[in-house]
Amino acid sequence: SMLGIQGKPSWSLNLPSIGPFRSFGNGGKDTSFHIKSYSGRRVKNDSIRMVYFHDQTVAIVELEPDKLLLNCELIEV
């Protein structure tokens, strides 16, 4: 499902970095793969951040008040 972009959220989004899963589905062996984490970087300090999700993909979108797209980070979970 997609979340709407009606109005400004009153909270800021602070997601922790997610490290690699060390023994998930590989028999306990370290495969040294890298998982992308949320950077937390913003183009403008007064922008609106919204989170959208679909299946296993999360999009963290930064918008101006007139809904102009400033930045988008995609993360698969």
PDB file of N, CA and C in Angstrom:
ATOM      1  N   SER A   1       0.838  -1.189   0.000  1.00  0.00           N
ATOM      2  CA  SER A   1       0.000   0.000   0.000  1.00  0.00           C
ATOM      3  C   SER A   1       0.874   1.240   0.000  1.00  0.00           C
ATOM      4  N   MET A   2       0.368   2.297  -0.581  1.00  0.00           N
ATOM      5  CA  MET A   2       1.087   3.559  -0.607  1.00  0.00           C
ATOM      6  C   MET A   2       0.467   4.501   0.420  1.00  0.00           C
ATOM      7  N   LEU A   3       1.298   5.275   1.062  1.00  0.00           N
ATOM      8  CA  LEU A   3       0.829   6.270   2.013  1.00  0.00           C
ATOM      9  C   LEU A   3       0.606   7.569   1.266  1.00  0.00           C
ATOM     10  N   GLY A   4      -0.364   8.354   1.689  1.00  0.00           N
ATOM     11  CA  GLY A   4      -0.643   9.624   1.026  1.00  0.00           C
ATOM     12  C   GLY A   4       0.360  10.699   1.403  1.00  0.00           C
ATOM     13  N   ILE A   5       0.328  11.806   0.673  1.00  0.00           N
ATOM     14  CA  ILE A   5       1.223  12.920   0.986  1.00  0.00           C
ATOM     15  C   ILE A   5       0.413  14.154   1.345  1.00  0.00           C
ATOM     16  N   GLN A   6      -0.687  13.948   2.032  1.00  0.00           N
ATOM     17  CA  GLN A   6      -1.559  15.031   2.462  1.00  0.00           C
ATOM     18  C   GLN A   6      -0.989  15.655   3.731  1.00  0.00           C
ATOM     19  N   GLY A   7      -0.648  16.927   3.692  1.00  0.00           N
ATOM     20  CA  GLY A   7      -0.200  17.632   4.889  1.00  0.00           C
ATOM     21  C   GLY A   7       1.245  17.337   5.240  1.00  0.00           C
ATOM     22  N   LYS A   8       1.716  18.023   6.271  1.00  0.00           N
ATOM     23  CA  LYS A   8       3.091  17.858   6.720  1.00  0.00           C
ATOM     24  C   LYS A   8       3.125  16.939   7.932  1.00  0.00           C
ATOM     25  N   PRO A   9       4.053  15.987   7.955  1.00  0.00           N
ATOM     26  CA  PRO A   9       4.183  15.167   9.159  1.00  0.00           C
ATOM     27  C   PRO A   9       4.755  16.008  10.298  1.00  0.00           C
ATOM     28  N   SER A  10       4.362  15.713  11.517  1.00  0.00           N
ATOM     29  CA  SER A  10       4.829  16.492  12.657  1.00  0.00           C
ATOM     30  C   SER A  10       6.005  15.824  13.351  1.00  0.00           C
ATOM     31  N   TRP A  11       6.543  14.779  12.785  1.00  0.00           N
ATOM     32  CA  TRP A  11       7.671  14.077  13.374  1.00  0.00           C
ATOM     33  C   TRP A  11       8.777  13.952  12.344  1.00  0.00           C
ATOM     34  N   SER A  12       9.998  13.811  12.829  1.00  0.00           N
ATOM     35  CA  SER A  12      11.114  13.599  11.908  1.00  0.00           C
ATOM     36  C   SER A  12      11.420  12.111  11.858  1.00  0.00           C
ATOM     37  N   LEU A  13      11.956  11.679  10.741  1.00  0.00           N
ATOM     38  CA  LEU A  13      12.231  10.269  10.517  1.00  0.00           C
ATOM     39  C   LEU A  13      13.692   9.985  10.815  1.00  0.00           C
ATOM     40  N   ASN A  14      13.949   9.151  11.803  1.00  0.00           N
ATOM     41  CA  ASN A  14      15.314   8.758  12.150  1.00  0.00           C
ATOM     42  C   ASN A  14      15.384   7.242  12.145  1.00  0.00           C
ATOM     43  N   LEU A  15      15.879   6.678  11.042  1.00  0.00           N
ATOM     44  CA  LEU A  15      16.004   5.233  10.929  1.00  0.00           C
ATOM     45  C   LEU A  15      17.435   4.819  11.221  1.00  0.00           C
ATOM     46  N   PRO A  16      17.632   3.758  12.001  1.00  0.00           N
ATOM     47  CA  PRO A  16      18.995   3.306  12.275  1.00  0.00           C
ATOM     48  C   PRO A  16      19.593   2.619  11.050  1.00  0.00           C
ATOM     49  N   SER A  17      20.914   2.608  10.979  1.00  0.00           N
ATOM     50  CA  SER A  17      21.588   1.849   9.932  1.00  0.00           C
ATOM     51  C   SER A  17      21.388   0.367  10.201  1.00  0.00           C
ATOM     52  N   ILE A  18      21.248  -0.392   9.137  1.00  0.00           N
ATOM     53  CA  ILE A  18      21.044  -1.835   9.263  1.00  0.00           C
ATOM     54  C   ILE A  18      22.299  -2.522   8.753  1.00  0.00           C
ATOM     55  N   GLY A  19      22.963  -3.271   9.619  1.00  0.00           N
ATOM     56  CA  GLY A  19      24.170  -3.988   9.215  1.00  0.00           C
ATOM     57  C   GLY A  19      23.824  -5.282   8.510  1.00  0.00           C
ATOM     58  N   PRO A  20      24.817  -5.992   7.991  1.00  0.00           N
ATOM     59  CA  PRO A  20      24.539  -7.245   7.286  1.00  0.00           C
ATOM     60  C   PRO A  20      24.014  -8.316   8.238  1.00  0.00           C
ATOM     61  N   PHE A  21      23.119  -9.127   7.734  1.00  0.00           N
ATOM     62  CA  PHE A  21      22.628 -10.263   8.506  1.00  0.00           C
ATOM     63  C   PHE A  21      23.673 -11.367   8.375  1.00  0.00           C
ATOM     64  N   ARG A  22      24.289 -11.740   9.455  1.00  0.00           N
ATOM     65  CA  ARG A  22      25.457 -12.619   9.420  1.00  0.00           C
ATOM     66  C   ARG A  22      25.141 -14.090   9.158  1.00  0.00           C
ATOM     67  N   SER A  23      24.057 -14.617   9.623  1.00  0.00           N
ATOM     68  CA  SER A  23      23.840 -16.054   9.433  1.00  0.00           C
ATOM     69  C   SER A  23      22.430 -16.342   8.955  1.00  0.00           C
ATOM     70  N   PHE A  24      21.938 -15.546   8.056  1.00  0.00           N
ATOM     71  CA  PHE A  24      20.582 -15.726   7.547  1.00  0.00           C
ATOM     72  C   PHE A  24      20.624 -16.475   6.224  1.00  0.00           C
ATOM     73  N   GLY A  25      20.212 -17.738   6.219  1.00  0.00           N
ATOM     74  CA  GLY A  25      20.093 -18.506   4.991  1.00  0.00           C
ATOM     75  C   GLY A  25      21.398 -18.921   4.350  1.00  0.00           C
ATOM     76  N   ASN A  26      22.504 -18.871   5.062  1.00  0.00           N
ATOM     77  CA  ASN A  26      23.773 -19.272   4.458  1.00  0.00           C
ATOM     78  C   ASN A  26      24.515 -20.292   5.307  1.00  0.00           C
ATOM     79  N   GLY A  27      23.800 -20.984   6.176  1.00  0.00           N
ATOM     80  CA  GLY A  27      24.422 -22.016   6.994  1.00  0.00           C
ATOM     81  C   GLY A  27      25.413 -21.478   8.015  1.00  0.00           C
ATOM     82  N   GLY A  28      25.292 -20.219   8.390  1.00  0.00           N
ATOM     83  CA  GLY A  28      26.177 -19.639   9.388  1.00  0.00           C
ATOM     84  C   GLY A  28      27.470 -19.077   8.826  1.00  0.00           C
ATOM     85  N   LYS A  29      27.683 -19.167   7.516  1.00  0.00           N
ATOM     86  CA  LYS A  29      28.905 -18.646   6.899  1.00  0.00           C
ATOM     87  C   LYS A  29      28.766 -17.145   6.654  1.00  0.00           C
ATOM     88  N   ASP A  30      29.851 -16.416   6.848  1.00  0.00           N
ATOM     89  CA  ASP A  30      29.866 -14.974   6.582  1.00  0.00           C
ATOM     90  C   ASP A  30      30.140 -14.750   5.102  1.00  0.00           C
ATOM     91  N   THR A  31      29.158 -14.228   4.384  1.00  0.00           N
ATOM     92  CA  THR A  31      29.332 -13.993   2.950  1.00  0.00           C
ATOM     93  C   THR A  31      29.804 -12.573   2.666  1.00  0.00           C
ATOM     94  N   SER A  32      29.935 -11.719   3.687  1.00  0.00           N
ATOM     95  CA  SER A  32      30.423 -10.340   3.570  1.00  0.00           C
ATOM     96  C   SER A  32      29.674  -9.519   2.529  1.00  0.00           C
ATOM     97  N   PHE A  33      28.366  -9.678   2.456  1.00  0.00           N
ATOM     98  CA  PHE A  33      27.589  -8.851   1.541  1.00  0.00           C
ATOM     99  C   PHE A  33      27.202  -7.564   2.247  1.00  0.00           C
ATOM    100  N   HIS A  34      26.887  -6.553   1.464  1.00  0.00           N
ATOM    101  CA  HIS A  34      26.563  -5.241   2.016  1.00  0.00           C
ATOM    102  C   HIS A  34      25.080  -4.959   1.821  1.00  0.00           C
ATOM    103  N   ILE A  35      24.440  -4.477   2.872  1.00  0.00           N
ATOM    104  CA  ILE A  35      23.042  -4.078   2.794  1.00  0.00           C
ATOM    105  C   ILE A  35      22.997  -2.556   2.860  1.00  0.00           C
ATOM    106  N   LYS A  36      22.290  -1.939   1.918  1.00  0.00           N
ATOM    107  CA  LYS A  36      22.172  -0.483   1.904  1.00  0.00           C
ATOM    108  C   LYS A  36      21.354  -0.026   3.103  1.00  0.00           C
ATOM    109  N   SER A  37      21.822   1.002   3.760  1.00  0.00           N
ATOM    110  CA  SER A  37      21.088   1.569   4.884  1.00  0.00           C
ATOM    111  C   SER A  37      20.625   2.975   4.510  1.00  0.00           C
ATOM    112  N   TYR A  38      19.738   3.505   5.304  1.00  0.00           N
ATOM    113  CA  TYR A  38      19.224   4.853   5.071  1.00  0.00           C
ATOM    114  C   TYR A  38      20.283   5.866   5.482  1.00  0.00           C
ATOM    115  N   SER A  39      20.624   6.788   4.584  1.00  0.00           N
ATOM    116  CA  SER A  39      21.711   7.739   4.842  1.00  0.00           C
ATOM    117  C   SER A  39      21.301   8.861   5.793  1.00  0.00           C
ATOM    118  N   GLY A  40      20.026   9.254   5.772  1.00  0.00           N
ATOM    119  CA  GLY A  40      19.569  10.345   6.616  1.00  0.00           C
ATOM    120  C   GLY A  40      19.876  11.722   6.063  1.00  0.00           C
ATOM    121  N   ARG A  41      20.552  11.791   4.918  1.00  0.00           N
ATOM    122  CA  ARG A  41      20.892  13.086   4.321  1.00  0.00           C
ATOM    123  C   ARG A  41      19.655  13.772   3.773  1.00  0.00           C
ATOM    124  N   ARG A  42      19.630  15.096   3.914  1.00  0.00           N
ATOM    125  CA  ARG A  42      18.520  15.894   3.404  1.00  0.00           C
ATOM    126  C   ARG A  42      19.053  16.970   2.477  1.00  0.00           C
ATOM    127  N   VAL A  43      18.286  17.281   1.429  1.00  0.00           N
ATOM    128  CA  VAL A  43      18.641  18.354   0.509  1.00  0.00           C
ATOM    129  C   VAL A  43      18.327  19.700   1.152  1.00  0.00           C
ATOM    130  N   LYS A  44      17.178  19.797   1.829  1.00  0.00           N
ATOM    131  CA  LYS A  44      16.757  21.023   2.520  1.00  0.00           C
ATOM    132  C   LYS A  44      16.309  20.664   3.934  1.00  0.00           C
ATOM    133  N   ASN A  45      16.622  21.521   4.885  1.00  0.00           N
ATOM    134  CA  ASN A  45      16.232  21.261   6.270  1.00  0.00           C
ATOM    135  C   ASN A  45      14.737  21.418   6.509  1.00  0.00           C
ATOM    136  N   ASP A  46      14.041  22.197   5.679  1.00  0.00           N
ATOM    137  CA  ASP A  46      12.609  22.419   5.880  1.00  0.00           C
ATOM    138  C   ASP A  46      11.748  21.565   4.949  1.00  0.00           C
ATOM    139  N   SER A  47      12.327  20.535   4.367  1.00  0.00           N
ATOM    140  CA  SER A  47      11.574  19.674   3.451  1.00  0.00           C
ATOM    141  C   SER A  47      10.688  18.689   4.216  1.00  0.00           C
ATOM    142  N   ILE A  48       9.809  18.043   3.486  1.00  0.00           N
ATOM    143  CA  ILE A  48       8.908  17.032   4.040  1.00  0.00           C
ATOM    144  C   ILE A  48       9.467  15.665   3.662  1.00  0.00           C
ATOM    145  N   ARG A  49       9.588  14.771   4.634  1.00  0.00           N
ATOM    146  CA  ARG A  49      10.013  13.399   4.329  1.00  0.00           C
ATOM    147  C   ARG A  49       8.818  12.477   4.481  1.00  0.00           C
ATOM    148  N   MET A  50       8.623  11.643   3.485  1.00  0.00           N
ATOM    149  CA  MET A  50       7.528  10.677   3.503  1.00  0.00           C
ATOM    150  C   MET A  50       8.111   9.294   3.239  1.00  0.00           C
ATOM    151  N   VAL A  51       7.450   8.272   3.774  1.00  0.00           N
ATOM    152  CA  VAL A  51       7.882   6.891   3.573  1.00  0.00           C
ATOM    153  C   VAL A  51       6.781   6.153   2.839  1.00  0.00           C
ATOM    154  N   TYR A  52       7.155   5.507   1.748  1.00  0.00           N
ATOM    155  CA  TYR A  52       6.238   4.691   0.956  1.00  0.00           C
ATOM    156  C   TYR A  52       6.777   3.266   0.959  1.00  0.00           C
ATOM    157  N   PHE A  53       5.884   2.289   0.877  1.00  0.00           N
ATOM    158  CA  PHE A  53       6.352   0.909   0.811  1.00  0.00           C
ATOM    159  C   PHE A  53       5.476   0.107  -0.136  1.00  0.00           C
ATOM    160  N   HIS A  54       6.094  -0.889  -0.753  1.00  0.00           N
ATOM    161  CA  HIS A  54       5.392  -1.832  -1.618  1.00  0.00           C
ATOM    162  C   HIS A  54       6.178  -3.134  -1.584  1.00  0.00           C
ATOM    163  N   ASP A  55       5.509  -4.212  -1.219  1.00  0.00           N
ATOM    164  CA  ASP A  55       6.158  -5.520  -1.076  1.00  0.00           C
ATOM    165  C   ASP A  55       7.399  -5.390  -0.195  1.00  0.00           C
ATOM    166  N   GLN A  56       8.587  -5.589  -0.756  1.00  0.00           N
ATOM    167  CA  GLN A  56       9.815  -5.555   0.043  1.00  0.00           C
ATOM    168  C   GLN A  56      10.666  -4.317  -0.233  1.00  0.00           C
ATOM    169  N   THR A  57      10.077  -3.287  -0.807  1.00  0.00           N
ATOM    170  CA  THR A  57      10.821  -2.067  -1.109  1.00  0.00           C
ATOM    171  C   THR A  57      10.254  -0.895  -0.315  1.00  0.00           C
ATOM    172  N   VAL A  58      11.135  -0.147   0.320  1.00  0.00           N
ATOM    173  CA  VAL A  58      10.768   1.057   1.064  1.00  0.00           C
ATOM    174  C   VAL A  58      11.397   2.244   0.345  1.00  0.00           C
ATOM    175  N   ALA A  59      10.613   3.284   0.107  1.00  0.00           N
ATOM    176  CA  ALA A  59      11.113   4.518  -0.501  1.00  0.00           C
ATOM    177  C   ALA A  59      10.993   5.637   0.523  1.00  0.00           C
ATOM    178  N   ILE A  60      12.098   6.292   0.805  1.00  0.00           N
ATOM    179  CA  ILE A  60      12.099   7.457   1.682  1.00  0.00           C
ATOM    180  C   ILE A  60      12.272   8.660   0.765  1.00  0.00           C
ATOM    181  N   VAL A  61      11.228   9.477   0.687  1.00  0.00           N
ATOM    182  CA  VAL A  61      11.135  10.549  -0.297  1.00  0.00           C
ATOM    183  C   VAL A  61      11.193  11.893   0.415  1.00  0.00           C
ATOM    184  N   GLU A  62      11.973  12.807  -0.141  1.00  0.00           N
ATOM    185  CA  GLU A  62      12.059  14.172   0.384  1.00  0.00           C
ATOM    186  C   GLU A  62      11.361  15.098  -0.608  1.00  0.00           C
ATOM    187  N   LEU A  63      10.396  15.870  -0.103  1.00  0.00           N
ATOM    188  CA  LEU A  63       9.583  16.744  -0.945  1.00  0.00           C
ATOM    189  C   LEU A  63       9.617  18.175  -0.435  1.00  0.00           C
ATOM    190  N   GLU A  64       9.480  19.132  -1.373  1.00  0.00           N
ATOM    191  CA  GLU A  64       9.239  20.519  -0.989  1.00  0.00           C
ATOM    192  C   GLU A  64       7.761  20.643  -0.631  1.00  0.00           C
ATOM    193  N   PRO A  65       7.344  21.715   0.059  1.00  0.00           N
ATOM    194  CA  PRO A  65       5.931  21.873   0.414  1.00  0.00           C
ATOM    195  C   PRO A  65       4.980  21.826  -0.790  1.00  0.00           C
ATOM    196  N   ASP A  66       5.449  22.234  -1.981  1.00  0.00           N
ATOM    197  CA  ASP A  66       4.588  22.151  -3.172  1.00  0.00           C
ATOM    198  C   ASP A  66       4.703  20.784  -3.857  1.00  0.00           C
ATOM    199  N   LYS A  67       5.273  19.806  -3.142  1.00  0.00           N
ATOM    200  CA  LYS A  67       5.400  18.402  -3.555  1.00  0.00           C
ATOM    201  C   LYS A  67       6.398  18.166  -4.684  1.00  0.00           C
ATOM    202  N   LEU A  68       7.345  19.077  -4.879  1.00  0.00           N
ATOM    203  CA  LEU A  68       8.431  18.869  -5.818  1.00  0.00           C
ATOM    204  C   LEU A  68       9.400  17.854  -5.212  1.00  0.00           C
ATOM    205  N   LEU A  69       9.748  16.823  -5.967  1.00  0.00           N
ATOM    206  CA  LEU A  69      10.645  15.776  -5.485  1.00  0.00           C
ATOM    207  C   LEU A  69      12.072  16.300  -5.390  1.00  0.00           C
ATOM    208  N   LEU A  70      12.672  16.199  -4.201  1.00  0.00           N
ATOM    209  CA  LEU A  70      14.051  16.626  -3.988  1.00  0.00           C
ATOM    210  C   LEU A  70      15.014  15.450  -3.934  1.00  0.00           C
ATOM    211  N   ASN A  71      14.582  14.343  -3.331  1.00  0.00           N
ATOM    212  CA  ASN A  71      15.456  13.191  -3.137  1.00  0.00           C
ATOM    213  C   ASN A  71      14.607  11.951  -2.881  1.00  0.00           C
ATOM    214  N   CYS A  72      15.140  10.795  -3.249  1.00  0.00           N
ATOM    215  CA  CYS A  72      14.449   9.530  -2.995  1.00  0.00           C
ATOM    216  C   CYS A  72      15.491   8.446  -2.770  1.00  0.00           C
ATOM    217  N   GLU A  73      15.359   7.705  -1.670  1.00  0.00           N
ATOM    218  CA  GLU A  73      16.234   6.565  -1.400  1.00  0.00           C
ATOM    219  C   GLU A  73      15.374   5.315  -1.381  1.00  0.00           C
ATOM    220  N   LEU A  74      15.789   4.305  -2.132  1.00  0.00           N
ATOM    221  CA  LEU A  74      15.083   3.029  -2.174  1.00  0.00           C
ATOM    222  C   LEU A  74      15.875   2.000  -1.388  1.00  0.00           C
ATOM    223  N   ILE A  75      15.174   1.255  -0.541  1.00  0.00           N
ATOM    224  CA  ILE A  75      15.803   0.216   0.264  1.00  0.00           C
ATOM    225  C   ILE A  75      14.949  -1.038   0.155  1.00  0.00           C
ATOM    226  N   GLU A  76      15.576  -2.166  -0.175  1.00  0.00           N
ATOM    227  CA  GLU A  76      14.858  -3.439  -0.188  1.00  0.00           C
ATOM    228  C   GLU A  76      15.031  -4.100   1.164  1.00  0.00           C
ATOM    229  N   VAL A  77      13.924  -4.596   1.714  1.00  0.00           N
ATOM    230  CA  VAL A  77      13.966  -5.249   3.023  1.00  0.00           C
ATOM    231  C   VAL A  77      13.588  -6.700   2.906  1.00  0.00           C
TER     232      VAL A  77
END
